C-alpha atoms as a PDB file:
ATOM      1  CA  UNK A   1       0.000   0.000   0.000  1.00  0.00           C
ATOM      2  CA  UNK A   2       1.366   3.411  -0.968  1.00  0.00           C
ATOM      3  CA  UNK A   3       1.119   5.937   1.929  1.00  0.00           C
ATOM      4  CA  UNK A   4      -1.708   8.418   1.382  1.00  0.00           C
ATOM      5  CA  UNK A   5      -3.412   6.292  -1.289  1.00  0.00           C
ATOM      6  CA  UNK A   6      -6.562   4.294  -0.810  1.00  0.00           C
ATOM      7  CA  UNK A   7      -5.708   0.584  -0.511  1.00  0.00           C
ATOM      8  CA  UNK A   8      -7.367  -1.841  -2.874  1.00  0.00           C
ATOM      9  CA  UNK A   9      -8.278  -4.297  -0.085  1.00  0.00           C
ATOM     10  CA  UNK A  10      -9.199  -3.812   3.574  1.00  0.00           C
ATOM     11  CA  UNK A  11      -8.854  -6.795   5.919  1.00  0.00           C
ATOM     12  CA  UNK A  12     -10.900  -6.406   9.113  1.00  0.00           C
ATOM     13  CA  UNK A  13      -9.600  -8.524  11.999  1.00  0.00           C
ATOM     14  CA  UNK A  14     -11.522  -8.577  15.299  1.00  0.00           C
ATOM     15  CA  UNK A  15      -9.292  -9.708  18.164  1.00  0.00           C
ATOM     16  CA  UNK A  16     -10.175 -10.831  21.672  1.00  0.00           C
ATOM     17  CA  UNK A  17      -7.924 -12.839  24.003  1.00  0.00           C
ATOM     18  CA  UNK A  18      -5.928 -14.338  21.132  1.00  0.00           C
ATOM     19  CA  UNK A  19      -2.369 -13.754  22.285  1.00  0.00           C
ATOM     20  CA  UNK A  20      -1.522 -17.362  21.415  1.00  0.00           C
ATOM     21  CA  UNK A  21      -2.760 -17.119  17.847  1.00  0.00           C
ATOM     22  CA  UNK A  22      -2.743 -13.551  16.535  1.00  0.00           C
ATOM     23  CA  UNK A  23       0.878 -13.497  15.348  1.00  0.00           C
ATOM     24  CA  UNK A  24       0.296 -16.401  12.969  1.00  0.00           C
ATOM     25  CA  UNK A  25      -2.909 -14.816  11.694  1.00  0.00           C
ATOM     26  CA  UNK A  26      -1.391 -11.415  10.956  1.00  0.00           C
ATOM     27  CA  UNK A  27       1.744 -12.880   9.390  1.00  0.00           C
ATOM     28  CA  UNK A  28      -0.461 -14.934   7.051  1.00  0.00           C
ATOM     29  CA  UNK A  29      -2.213 -11.725   5.961  1.00  0.00           C
ATOM     30  CA  UNK A  30       0.847  -9.499   5.652  1.00  0.00           C
ATOM     31  CA  UNK A  31       2.752 -12.151   3.695  1.00  0.00           C
ATOM     32  CA  UNK A  32       0.061 -12.432   1.023  1.00  0.00           C
ATOM     33  CA  UNK A  33       1.252 -11.977  -2.531  1.00  0.00           C
ATOM     34  CA  UNK A  34      -1.382  -9.233  -2.783  1.00  0.00           C
ATOM     35  CA  UNK A  35       0.351  -6.376  -0.930  1.00  0.00           C
ATOM     36  CA  UNK A  36      -2.036  -3.536  -1.741  1.00  0.00           C
ATOM     37  CA  UNK A  37      -3.986  -3.889   1.481  1.00  0.00           C
ATOM     38  CA  UNK A  38      -4.623  -2.428   4.899  1.00  0.00           C
ATOM     39  CA  UNK A  39      -5.264  -4.481   8.027  1.00  0.00           C
ATOM     40  CA  UNK A  40      -7.762  -2.951  10.439  1.00  0.00           C
ATOM     41  CA  UNK A  41      -7.519  -4.805  13.744  1.00  0.00           C
ATOM     42  CA  UNK A  42     -10.220  -4.170  16.352  1.00  0.00           C
ATOM     43  CA  UNK A  43      -8.977  -5.197  19.795  1.00  0.00           C
ATOM     44  CA  UNK A  44     -12.254  -5.942  21.541  1.00  0.00           C
ATOM     45  CA  UNK A  45     -11.066  -5.346  25.107  1.00  0.00           C
ATOM     46  CA  UNK A  46      -8.410  -8.065  25.359  1.00  0.00           C
ATOM     47  CA  UNK A  47      -6.596  -8.483  28.686  1.00  0.00           C
ATOM     48  CA  UNK A  48      -4.222 -11.366  27.863  1.00  0.00           C
ATOM     49  CA  UNK A  49      -1.371  -9.598  26.086  1.00  0.00           C
ATOM     50  CA  UNK A  50      -3.102  -9.378  22.718  1.00  0.00           C
ATOM     51  CA  UNK A  51      -2.820  -5.576  22.766  1.00  0.00           C
ATOM     52  CA  UNK A  52       0.975  -5.692  23.075  1.00  0.00           C
ATOM     53  CA  UNK A  53       1.254  -8.130  20.182  1.00  0.00           C
ATOM     54  CA  UNK A  54      -0.942  -5.907  17.998  1.00  0.00           C
ATOM     55  CA  UNK A  55       1.059  -2.799  18.894  1.00  0.00           C
ATOM     56  CA  UNK A  56       4.244  -4.547  17.799  1.00  0.00           C
ATOM     57  CA  UNK A  57       2.734  -5.368  14.399  1.00  0.00           C
ATOM     58  CA  UNK A  58       1.490  -1.783  13.946  1.00  0.00           C
ATOM     59  CA  UNK A  59       4.976  -0.424  14.674  1.00  0.00           C
ATOM     60  CA  UNK A  60       6.595  -2.842  12.248  1.00  0.00           C
ATOM     61  CA  UNK A  61       4.195  -2.524   9.304  1.00  0.00           C
ATOM     62  CA  UNK A  62       2.350   0.683   8.330  1.00  0.00           C
ATOM     63  CA  UNK A  63      -0.396  -1.370   6.720  1.00  0.00           C
ATOM     64  CA  UNK A  64      -1.614  -2.397  10.188  1.00  0.00           C
ATOM     65  CA  UNK A  65      -3.964  -0.104  12.136  1.00  0.00           C
ATOM     66  CA  UNK A  66      -5.251  -1.024  15.582  1.00  0.00           C
ATOM     67  CA  UNK A  67      -8.445   0.240  17.174  1.00  0.00           C
ATOM     68  CA  UNK A  68      -8.968  -0.659  20.822  1.00  0.00           C
ATOM     69  CA  UNK A  69     -12.423  -0.659  22.406  1.00  0.00           C
ATOM     70  CA  UNK A  70     -14.383  -1.955  25.379  1.00  0.00           C
ATOM     71  CA  UNK A  71     -15.534  -5.521  24.763  1.00  0.00           C
ATOM     72  CA  UNK A  72     -18.666  -5.505  22.587  1.00  0.00           C
ATOM     73  CA  UNK A  73     -18.602  -8.900  20.854  1.00  0.00           C
ATOM     74  CA  UNK A  74     -17.603 -10.213  17.451  1.00  0.00           C
ATOM     75  CA  UNK A  75     -20.400  -8.690  15.375  1.00  0.00           C
ATOM     76  CA  UNK A  76     -19.931  -5.234  16.841  1.00  0.00           C
ATOM     77  CA  UNK A  77     -16.138  -5.429  16.413  1.00  0.00           C
ATOM     78  CA  UNK A  78     -16.493  -6.364  12.747  1.00  0.00           C
ATOM     79  CA  UNK A  79     -18.895  -3.469  12.183  1.00  0.00           C
ATOM     80  CA  UNK A  80     -16.468  -1.012  13.793  1.00  0.00           C
ATOM     81  CA  UNK A  81     -13.618  -2.346  11.675  1.00  0.00           C
ATOM     82  CA  UNK A  82     -15.728  -2.051   8.533  1.00  0.00           C
ATOM     83  CA  UNK A  83     -16.535   1.582   9.334  1.00  0.00           C
ATOM     84  CA  UNK A  84     -12.798   2.289   9.681  1.00  0.00           C
ATOM     85  CA  UNK A  85     -11.832   0.413   6.499  1.00  0.00           C
ATOM     86  CA  UNK A  86     -11.038   2.452   3.382  1.00  0.00           C
ATOM     87  CA  UNK A  87     -10.363  -0.142   0.666  1.00  0.00           C
ATOM     88  CA  UNK A  88     -12.168  -0.710  -2.615  1.00  0.00           C
ATOM     89  CA  UNK A  89     -12.682  -4.298  -1.502  1.00  0.00           C
ATOM     90  CA  UNK A  90     -13.453  -5.679   1.954  1.00  0.00           C
ATOM     91  CA  UNK A  91     -12.715  -8.968   3.679  1.00  0.00           C
ATOM     92  CA  UNK A  92     -12.596 -10.386   7.202  1.00  0.00           C
ATOM     93  CA  UNK A  93     -10.275 -12.693   9.091  1.00  0.00           C
ATOM     94  CA  UNK A  94     -10.691 -14.085  12.590  1.00  0.00           C
ATOM     95  CA  UNK A  95      -7.590 -13.579  14.688  1.00  0.00           C
ATOM     96  CA  UNK A  96      -7.134 -17.253  15.588  1.00  0.00           C
ATOM     97  CA  UNK A  97      -7.258 -18.422  11.950  1.00  0.00           C
ATOM     98  CA  UNK A  98      -4.909 -18.125   8.969  1.00  0.00           C
ATOM     99  CA  UNK A  99      -5.286 -16.848   5.417  1.00  0.00           C
ATOM    100  CA  UNK A 100      -3.788 -19.310   2.954  1.00  0.00           C
ATOM    101  CA  UNK A 101      -1.032 -18.191   0.547  1.00  0.00           C
ATOM    102  CA  UNK A 102      -2.319 -16.532  -2.615  1.00  0.00           C
ATOM    103  CA  UNK A 103      -5.860 -16.176  -1.264  1.00  0.00           C
ATOM    104  CA  UNK A 104      -6.327 -12.462  -1.813  1.00  0.00           C
ATOM    105  CA  UNK A 105      -4.649 -12.466  -5.215  1.00  0.00           C
ATOM    106  CA  UNK A 106      -7.145 -15.130  -6.319  1.00  0.00           C
ATOM    107  CA  UNK A 107     -10.244 -13.531  -4.781  1.00  0.00           C
ATOM    108  CA  UNK A 108      -9.528  -9.909  -5.683  1.00  0.00           C
ATOM    109  CA  UNK A 109      -8.249 -10.969  -9.087  1.00  0.00           C
ATOM    110  CA  UNK A 110     -11.516 -12.760  -9.772  1.00  0.00           C
ATOM    111  CA  UNK A 111     -13.558  -9.676  -8.860  1.00  0.00           C
ATOM    112  CA  UNK A 112     -11.349  -7.383 -10.912  1.00  0.00           C
ATOM    113  CA  UNK A 113     -11.909  -9.617 -13.948  1.00  0.00           C
ATOM    114  CA  UNK A 114     -15.619 -10.354 -13.475  1.00  0.00           C
ATOM    115  CA  UNK A 115     -17.069  -7.219 -11.898  1.00  0.00           C
ATOM    116  CA  UNK A 116     -19.013  -9.413  -9.459  1.00  0.00           C
ATOM    117  CA  UNK A 117     -20.107  -8.296  -5.998  1.00  0.00           C
ATOM    118  CA  UNK A 118     -18.281 -10.969  -4.017  1.00  0.00           C
ATOM    119  CA  UNK A 119     -15.920 -13.892  -4.471  1.00  0.00           C
ATOM    120  CA  UNK A 120     -15.808 -17.052  -2.364  1.00  0.00           C
ATOM    121  CA  UNK A 121     -13.047 -19.619  -1.860  1.00  0.00           C
ATOM    122  CA  UNK A 122     -12.943 -22.990  -0.144  1.00  0.00           C
ATOM    123  CA  UNK A 123     -11.947 -23.472   3.505  1.00  0.00           C
ATOM    124  CA  UNK A 124      -9.530 -25.837   5.200  1.00  0.00           C
ATOM    125  CA  UNK A 125     -10.456 -26.949   8.710  1.00  0.00           C
ATOM    126  CA  UNK A 126      -7.416 -26.914  11.022  1.00  0.00           C
ATOM    127  CA  UNK A 127      -8.167 -29.460  13.749  1.00  0.00           C
ATOM    128  CA  UNK A 128      -5.213 -30.297  16.019  1.00  0.00           C
ATOM    129  CA  UNK A 129      -2.685 -31.897  13.642  1.00  0.00           C
ATOM    130  CA  UNK A 130      -5.156 -32.529  10.819  1.00  0.00           C
ATOM    131  CA  UNK A 131      -6.111 -30.407   7.825  1.00  0.00           C
ATOM    132  CA  UNK A 132      -9.440 -31.414   6.333  1.00  0.00           C
ATOM    133  CA  UNK A 133     -12.294 -30.057   4.250  1.00  0.00           C
ATOM    134  CA  UNK A 134     -15.921 -30.819   5.014  1.00  0.00           C
ATOM    135  CA  UNK A 135     -17.815 -32.802   2.364  1.00  0.00           C
ATOM    136  CA  UNK A 136     -20.246 -29.931   1.842  1.00  0.00           C
ATOM    137  CA  UNK A 137     -17.424 -27.413   1.395  1.00  0.00           C
ATOM    138  CA  UNK A 138     -15.821 -29.748  -1.124  1.00  0.00           C
ATOM    139  CA  UNK A 139     -19.135 -30.126  -2.982  1.00  0.00           C
ATOM    140  CA  UNK A 140     -19.723 -26.374  -3.088  1.00  0.00           C
ATOM    141  CA  UNK A 141     -16.262 -25.645  -4.481  1.00  0.00           C
ATOM    142  CA  UNK A 142     -15.822 -28.590  -6.825  1.00  0.00           C
ATOM    143  CA  UNK A 143     -16.727 -26.398  -9.780  1.00  0.00           C
ATOM    144  CA  UNK A 144     -15.892 -22.734 -10.387  1.00  0.00           C
ATOM    145  CA  UNK A 145     -18.649 -20.195 -11.033  1.00  0.00           C
ATOM    146  CA  UNK A 146     -18.386 -16.618 -12.294  1.00  0.00           C
ATOM    147  CA  UNK A 147     -21.096 -13.979 -12.027  1.00  0.00           C
ATOM    148  CA  UNK A 148     -23.850 -16.297 -10.789  1.00  0.00           C
ATOM    149  CA  UNK A 149     -26.795 -15.465  -8.524  1.00  0.00           C
ATOM    150  CA  UNK A 150     -27.848 -17.505  -5.511  1.00  0.00           C
ATOM    151  CA  UNK A 151     -30.824 -19.031  -7.336  1.00  0.00           C
ATOM    152  CA  UNK A 152     -28.308 -20.495  -9.818  1.00  0.00           C
ATOM    153  CA  UNK A 153     -26.299 -22.227  -7.051  1.00  0.00           C
ATOM    154  CA  UNK A 154     -28.576 -22.411  -3.982  1.00  0.00           C
ATOM    155  CA  UNK A 155     -26.298 -24.706  -2.004  1.00  0.00           C
ATOM    156  CA  UNK A 156     -23.887 -21.768  -1.642  1.00  0.00           C
ATOM    157  CA  UNK A 157     -26.288 -20.599   1.099  1.00  0.00           C
ATOM    158  CA  UNK A 158     -24.526 -23.181   3.259  1.00  0.00           C
ATOM    159  CA  UNK A 159     -21.307 -21.148   2.977  1.00  0.00           C
ATOM    160  CA  UNK A 160     -22.149 -18.524   5.588  1.00  0.00           C
ATOM    161  CA  UNK A 161     -18.616 -17.847   6.812  1.00  0.00           C
ATOM    162  CA  UNK A 162     -17.631 -14.176   6.659  1.00  0.00           C
ATOM    163  CA  UNK A 163     -13.930 -14.759   6.153  1.00  0.00           C
ATOM    164  CA  UNK A 164     -13.460 -16.888   3.011  1.00  0.00           C
ATOM    165  CA  UNK A 165     -14.902 -14.122   0.858  1.00  0.00           C
ATOM    166  CA  UNK A 166     -13.899 -10.761  -0.580  1.00  0.00           C
ATOM    167  CA  UNK A 167     -16.694  -8.225  -1.057  1.00  0.00           C
ATOM    168  CA  UNK A 168     -16.829  -5.178  -3.298  1.00  0.00           C
ATOM    169  CA  UNK A 169     -17.126  -2.357  -0.758  1.00  0.00           C
ATOM    170  CA  UNK A 170     -19.656  -0.410  -2.823  1.00  0.00           C
ATOM    171  CA  UNK A 171     -21.870  -3.521  -2.851  1.00  0.00           C
ATOM    172  CA  UNK A 172     -21.498  -3.982   0.919  1.00  0.00           C
ATOM    173  CA  UNK A 173     -22.622  -0.411   1.570  1.00  0.00           C
ATOM    174  CA  UNK A 174     -25.405  -0.287  -1.026  1.00  0.00           C
ATOM    175  CA  UNK A 175     -26.903  -3.550   0.246  1.00  0.00           C
ATOM    176  CA  UNK A 176     -26.800  -2.213   3.817  1.00  0.00           C
ATOM    177  CA  UNK A 177     -24.777  -5.182   5.044  1.00  0.00           C
ATOM    178  CA  UNK A 178     -23.484  -5.600   8.576  1.00  0.00           C
ATOM    179  CA  UNK A 179     -23.412  -8.030  11.467  1.00  0.00           C
ATOM    180  CA  UNK A 180     -26.007  -8.233  14.250  1.00  0.00           C
ATOM    181  CA  UNK A 181     -24.406  -7.348  17.581  1.00  0.00           C
ATOM    182  CA  UNK A 182     -24.822  -9.166  20.867  1.00  0.00           C
ATOM    183  CA  UNK A 183     -25.701 -12.559  19.381  1.00  0.00           C
ATOM    184  CA  UNK A 184     -23.718 -15.678  18.461  1.00  0.00           C
ATOM    185  CA  UNK A 185     -23.709 -17.019  14.888  1.00  0.00           C
ATOM    186  CA  UNK A 186     -23.939 -13.521  13.463  1.00  0.00           C
ATOM    187  CA  UNK A 187     -22.354 -14.771  10.238  1.00  0.00           C
ATOM    188  CA  UNK A 188     -25.461 -16.643   9.086  1.00  0.00           C
ATOM    189  CA  UNK A 189     -27.953 -13.762   8.713  1.00  0.00           C
ATOM    190  CA  UNK A 190     -25.275 -11.329   7.517  1.00  0.00           C
ATOM    191  CA  UNK A 191     -23.818 -13.576   4.838  1.00  0.00           C
ATOM    192  CA  UNK A 192     -27.211 -14.983   3.841  1.00  0.00           C
ATOM    193  CA  UNK A 193     -28.272 -11.402   3.152  1.00  0.00           C
ATOM    194  CA  UNK A 194     -25.077 -10.776   1.153  1.00  0.00           C
ATOM    195  CA  UNK A 195     -25.501 -13.902  -0.966  1.00  0.00           C
ATOM    196  CA  UNK A 196     -29.131 -13.077  -1.727  1.00  0.00           C
ATOM    197  CA  UNK A 197     -28.427  -9.421  -2.519  1.00  0.00           C
ATOM    198  CA  UNK A 198     -25.498 -10.122  -4.849  1.00  0.00           C
ATOM    199  CA  UNK A 199     -26.167  -9.854  -8.572  1.00  0.00           C
ATOM    200  CA  UNK A 200     -22.838 -11.540  -9.300  1.00  0.00           C
ATOM    201  CA  UNK A 201     -21.015 -14.176  -7.208  1.00  0.00           C
ATOM    202  CA  UNK A 202     -17.693 -15.770  -8.103  1.00  0.00           C
ATOM    203  CA  UNK A 203     -17.020 -19.163  -6.498  1.00  0.00           C
ATOM    204  CA  UNK A 204     -13.448 -20.449  -6.711  1.00  0.00           C
ATOM    205  CA  UNK A 205     -12.258 -24.040  -6.425  1.00  0.00           C
ATOM    206  CA  UNK A 206      -9.072 -23.299  -4.485  1.00  0.00           C
ATOM    207  CA  UNK A 207      -8.857 -23.159  -0.660  1.00  0.00           C
ATOM    208  CA  UNK A 208      -8.244 -19.622   0.611  1.00  0.00           C
ATOM    209  CA  UNK A 209      -8.680 -19.838   4.380  1.00  0.00           C
ATOM    210  CA  UNK A 210      -7.651 -22.004   7.326  1.00  0.00           C
ATOM    211  CA  UNK A 211     -10.310 -22.208  10.040  1.00  0.00           C
ATOM    212  CA  UNK A 212      -8.772 -23.214  13.355  1.00  0.00           C
ATOM    213  CA  UNK A 213     -10.918 -25.469  15.534  1.00  0.00           C
ATOM    214  CA  UNK A 214      -9.568 -24.849  19.022  1.00  0.00           C
ATOM    215  CA  UNK A 215      -9.171 -27.815  21.344  1.00  0.00           C
ATOM    216  CA  UNK A 216      -9.194 -25.761  24.565  1.00  0.00           C
ATOM    217  CA  UNK A 217     -12.945 -25.024  24.551  1.00  0.00           C
ATOM    218  CA  UNK A 218     -12.323 -21.285  24.307  1.00  0.00           C
ATOM    219  CA  UNK A 219     -13.959 -20.518  20.973  1.00  0.00           C
ATOM    220  CA  UNK A 220     -17.411 -18.960  20.697  1.00  0.00           C
ATOM    221  CA  UNK A 221     -18.804 -21.975  18.860  1.00  0.00           C
ATOM    222  CA  UNK A 222     -18.029 -24.603  21.513  1.00  0.00           C
ATOM    223  CA  UNK A 223     -20.931 -24.040  23.922  1.00  0.00           C
ATOM    224  CA  UNK A 224     -23.653 -26.072  22.230  1.00  0.00           C
ATOM    225  CA  UNK A 225     -25.067 -27.476  25.484  1.00  0.00           C
ATOM    226  CA  UNK A 226     -25.974 -24.033  26.807  1.00  0.00           C
ATOM    227  CA  UNK A 227     -29.548 -22.801  26.568  1.00  0.00           C
ATOM    228  CA  UNK A 228     -28.488 -19.293  25.518  1.00  0.00           C
ATOM    229  CA  UNK A 229     -26.375 -20.781  22.717  1.00  0.00           C
ATOM    230  CA  UNK A 230     -29.386 -22.691  21.393  1.00  0.00           C
ATOM    231  CA  UNK A 231     -31.513 -19.552  21.688  1.00  0.00           C
ATOM    232  CA  UNK A 232     -29.051 -17.599  19.538  1.00  0.00           C
ATOM    233  CA  UNK A 233     -28.830 -20.413  17.003  1.00  0.00           C
ATOM    234  CA  UNK A 234     -32.611 -20.499  16.550  1.00  0.00           C
ATOM    235  CA  UNK A 235     -32.828 -16.703  16.386  1.00  0.00           C
ATOM    236  CA  UNK A 236     -30.201 -16.411  13.641  1.00  0.00           C
ATOM    237  CA  UNK A 237     -31.824 -19.295  11.737  1.00  0.00           C
ATOM    238  CA  UNK A 238     -35.127 -17.415  11.956  1.00  0.00           C
ATOM    239  CA  UNK A 239     -33.633 -14.188  10.593  1.00  0.00           C
ATOM    240  CA  UNK A 240     -31.949 -16.038   7.739  1.00  0.00           C
ATOM    241  CA  UNK A 241     -35.065 -18.030   6.903  1.00  0.00           C
ATOM    242  CA  UNK A 242     -37.113 -14.843   6.631  1.00  0.00           C
ATOM    243  CA  UNK A 243     -34.640 -13.552   4.028  1.00  0.00           C
ATOM    244  CA  UNK A 244     -34.680 -16.787   2.030  1.00  0.00           C
ATOM    245  CA  UNK A 245     -38.465 -16.997   2.009  1.00  0.00           C
ATOM    246  CA  UNK A 246     -38.855 -13.374   0.937  1.00  0.00           C
ATOM    247  CA  UNK A 247     -36.206 -13.163  -1.771  1.00  0.00           C
ATOM    248  CA  UNK A 248     -35.421 -16.525  -3.386  1.00  0.00           C
ATOM    249  CA  UNK A 249     -36.997 -18.960  -5.823  1.00  0.00           C
ATOM    250  CA  UNK A 250     -38.938 -22.077  -4.812  1.00  0.00           C
ATOM    251  CA  UNK A 251     -36.076 -24.499  -5.555  1.00  0.00           C
ATOM    252  CA  UNK A 252     -33.641 -22.367  -3.550  1.00  0.00           C
ATOM    253  CA  UNK A 253     -36.063 -22.499  -0.627  1.00  0.00           C
ATOM    254  CA  UNK A 254     -36.345 -26.274  -0.910  1.00  0.00           C
ATOM    255  CA  UNK A 255     -32.550 -26.608  -0.773  1.00  0.00           C
ATOM    256  CA  UNK A 256     -32.497 -24.218   2.182  1.00  0.00           C
ATOM    257  CA  UNK A 257     -34.930 -26.223   4.278  1.00  0.00           C
ATOM    258  CA  UNK A 258     -33.763 -29.687   3.220  1.00  0.00           C
ATOM    259  CA  UNK A 259     -29.982 -29.252   3.172  1.00  0.00           C
ATOM    260  CA  UNK A 260     -28.758 -25.923   4.534  1.00  0.00           C
ATOM    261  CA  UNK A 261     -30.828 -25.028   7.585  1.00  0.00           C
ATOM    262  CA  UNK A 262     -30.441 -28.380   9.411  1.00  0.00           C
ATOM    263  CA  UNK A 263     -26.658 -28.673   8.925  1.00  0.00           C
ATOM    264  CA  UNK A 264     -25.551 -27.904  12.494  1.00  0.00           C
ATOM    265  CA  UNK A 265     -28.509 -29.368  14.401  1.00  0.00           C
ATOM    266  CA  UNK A 266     -26.759 -32.632  15.206  1.00  0.00           C
ATOM    267  CA  UNK A 267     -24.434 -30.771  17.585  1.00  0.00           C
ATOM    268  CA  UNK A 268     -27.462 -29.750  19.642  1.00  0.00           C
ATOM    269  CA  UNK A 269     -28.952 -33.253  19.498  1.00  0.00           C
ATOM    270  CA  UNK A 270     -25.690 -34.590  20.935  1.00  0.00           C
ATOM    271  CA  UNK A 271     -26.043 -32.150  23.852  1.00  0.00           C
ATOM    272  CA  UNK A 272     -29.408 -33.594  24.955  1.00  0.00           C
ATOM    273  CA  UNK A 273     -28.120 -36.110  27.560  1.00  0.00           C
ATOM    274  CA  UNK A 274     -28.108 -34.133  30.804  1.00  0.00           C
ATOM    275  CA  UNK A 275     -29.744 -31.047  29.296  1.00  0.00           C
ATOM    276  CA  UNK A 276     -32.501 -29.116  31.064  1.00  0.00           C
ATOM    277  CA  UNK A 277     -36.191 -29.469  30.268  1.00  0.00           C
ATOM    278  CA  UNK A 278     -36.096 -25.902  28.911  1.00  0.00           C
ATOM    279  CA  UNK A 279     -33.332 -26.879  26.483  1.00  0.00           C
ATOM    280  CA  UNK A 280     -35.282 -29.920  25.268  1.00  0.00           C
ATOM    281  CA  UNK A 281     -38.482 -27.903  24.864  1.00  0.00           C
ATOM    282  CA  UNK A 282     -36.687 -25.187  22.895  1.00  0.00           C
ATOM    283  CA  UNK A 283     -35.004 -27.745  20.655  1.00  0.00           C
ATOM    284  CA  UNK A 284     -38.381 -29.314  19.867  1.00  0.00           C
ATOM    285  CA  UNK A 285     -39.953 -25.901  19.264  1.00  0.00           C
ATOM    286  CA  UNK A 286     -37.169 -25.030  16.833  1.00  0.00           C
ATOM    287  CA  UNK A 287     -37.792 -28.131  14.762  1.00  0.00           C
ATOM    288  CA  UNK A 288     -41.522 -27.443  14.710  1.00  0.00           C
ATOM    289  CA  UNK A 289     -40.927 -23.837  13.623  1.00  0.00           C
ATOM    290  CA  UNK A 290     -38.717 -24.580  10.633  1.00  0.00           C
ATOM    291  CA  UNK A 291     -39.745 -27.993   9.305  1.00  0.00           C
ATOM    292  CA  UNK A 292     -43.207 -29.241   8.490  1.00  0.00           C
ATOM    293  CA  UNK A 293     -45.871 -29.571   5.779  1.00  0.00           C
ATOM    294  CA  UNK A 294     -45.368 -26.036   4.433  1.00  0.00           C
ATOM    295  CA  UNK A 295     -41.565 -26.338   4.140  1.00  0.00           C
ATOM    296  CA  UNK A 296     -39.873 -29.760   4.252  1.00  0.00           C
ATOM    297  CA  UNK A 297     -40.987 -32.508   6.677  1.00  0.00           C
ATOM    298  CA  UNK A 298     -38.349 -33.680   9.142  1.00  0.00           C
ATOM    299  CA  UNK A 299     -38.282 -37.143   7.580  1.00  0.00           C
ATOM    300  CA  UNK A 300     -37.213 -35.579   4.253  1.00  0.00           C
ATOM    301  CA  UNK A 301     -34.207 -33.667   5.603  1.00  0.00           C
ATOM    302  CA  UNK A 302     -31.172 -34.432   3.458  1.00  0.00           C
ATOM    303  CA  UNK A 303     -28.910 -35.352   6.346  1.00  0.00           C
ATOM    304  CA  UNK A 304     -26.760 -38.375   7.107  1.00  0.00           C
ATOM    305  CA  UNK A 305     -29.027 -41.181   8.311  1.00  0.00           C
ATOM    306  CA  UNK A 306     -27.998 -41.013  11.963  1.00  0.00           C
ATOM    307  CA  UNK A 307     -28.582 -37.265  12.121  1.00  0.00           C
ATOM    308  CA  UNK A 308     -31.998 -37.603  10.491  1.00  0.00           C
ATOM    309  CA  UNK A 309     -32.930 -40.282  13.021  1.00  0.00           C
ATOM    310  CA  UNK A 310     -31.949 -37.889  15.807  1.00  0.00           C
ATOM    311  CA  UNK A 311     -34.154 -35.171  14.315  1.00  0.00           C
ATOM    312  CA  UNK A 312     -37.131 -37.534  14.076  1.00  0.00           C
ATOM    313  CA  UNK A 313     -36.760 -38.516  17.730  1.00  0.00           C
ATOM    314  CA  UNK A 314     -36.650 -34.878  18.825  1.00  0.00           C
ATOM    315  CA  UNK A 315     -39.686 -34.027  16.707  1.00  0.00           C
ATOM    316  CA  UNK A 316     -41.592 -36.975  18.225  1.00  0.00           C
ATOM    317  CA  UNK A 317     -40.672 -35.932  21.804  1.00  0.00           C
ATOM    318  CA  UNK A 318     -38.792 -39.186  22.368  1.00  0.00           C
ATOM    319  CA  UNK A 319     -35.949 -37.946  24.522  1.00  0.00           C
ATOM    320  CA  UNK A 320     -35.161 -41.296  26.147  1.00  0.00           C
ATOM    321  CA  UNK A 321     -34.867 -42.938  22.735  1.00  0.00           C
ATOM    322  CA  UNK A 322     -32.546 -40.187  21.509  1.00  0.00           C
ATOM    323  CA  UNK A 323     -30.323 -40.619  24.555  1.00  0.00           C
ATOM    324  CA  UNK A 324     -30.250 -44.367  23.954  1.00  0.00           C
ATOM    325  CA  UNK A 325     -29.267 -43.804  20.328  1.00  0.00           C
ATOM    326  CA  UNK A 326     -26.474 -41.455  21.367  1.00  0.00           C
ATOM    327  CA  UNK A 327     -25.190 -43.917  23.959  1.00  0.00           C
ATOM    328  CA  UNK A 328     -25.223 -46.917  21.601  1.00  0.00           C
ATOM    329  CA  UNK A 329     -21.940 -47.991  19.977  1.00  0.00           C
ATOM    330  CA  UNK A 330     -21.675 -46.887  16.365  1.00  0.00           C
END
């Protein structure tokens, strides 16, 4: 980035209590082959030494700017970083993950060539010593697409991660995009809205991002057995479903209800043994809200057989049978 000139790409990085990980994340961004970028880091009230690490990066590289604020949560931090960003294009990275080599050159290069609103790449899952890709991620990125709309490739609605995408900033602002604050799983409604609003989407086959699955239980997404976690999951599913029902074609809606919306439910089914009655009741109410005669019946969910069996037992209020299924050897 040339001092005093608008960067082509802004990378917004929210950071909270990530002293163990943030160096690797920022190095992966700053070492990209695409150098015409700024990195806007929002320190969301860290107390573990993260601030000192960020200050060191800002001193060493003028492309890094750090904004420190009282803790407000991931969605709010991303929104603040977006407001501070000045680039023609916009992307996000979580501070415990890594951006894969060549990612921004591929994503920005695709948008420069196509004129599309956003470009998406595949994601590697970094789990302990293993690097994998989920079957659905592999399916979604098996074939490249240029300039498509969501009704052309409805399964892309399953790719609701904020950080494996580059967005044209003018599109982001015109569409009124942003993240809900104060709620978990803020990616789903925000990115669902982006995918629906886009008049041109580029989908690349190559992996662009490494998503770290922490083993220490410290990530936001590792509290599935908590009632408030389930409440947020259902709320963000509701917001996203309202968008899909209002703005997409019938086949896109069928894919949404049959394949996309139920993807993460099995994690909540697994949390049933030992859960409270309130948790069980809310889980059952969620299934009744989203799946039925006017959408897709639970028995027609396109899930692996074991997960579909779990869903049927929840829908039928057969908690003891679900717990027996979960306890049985596989």
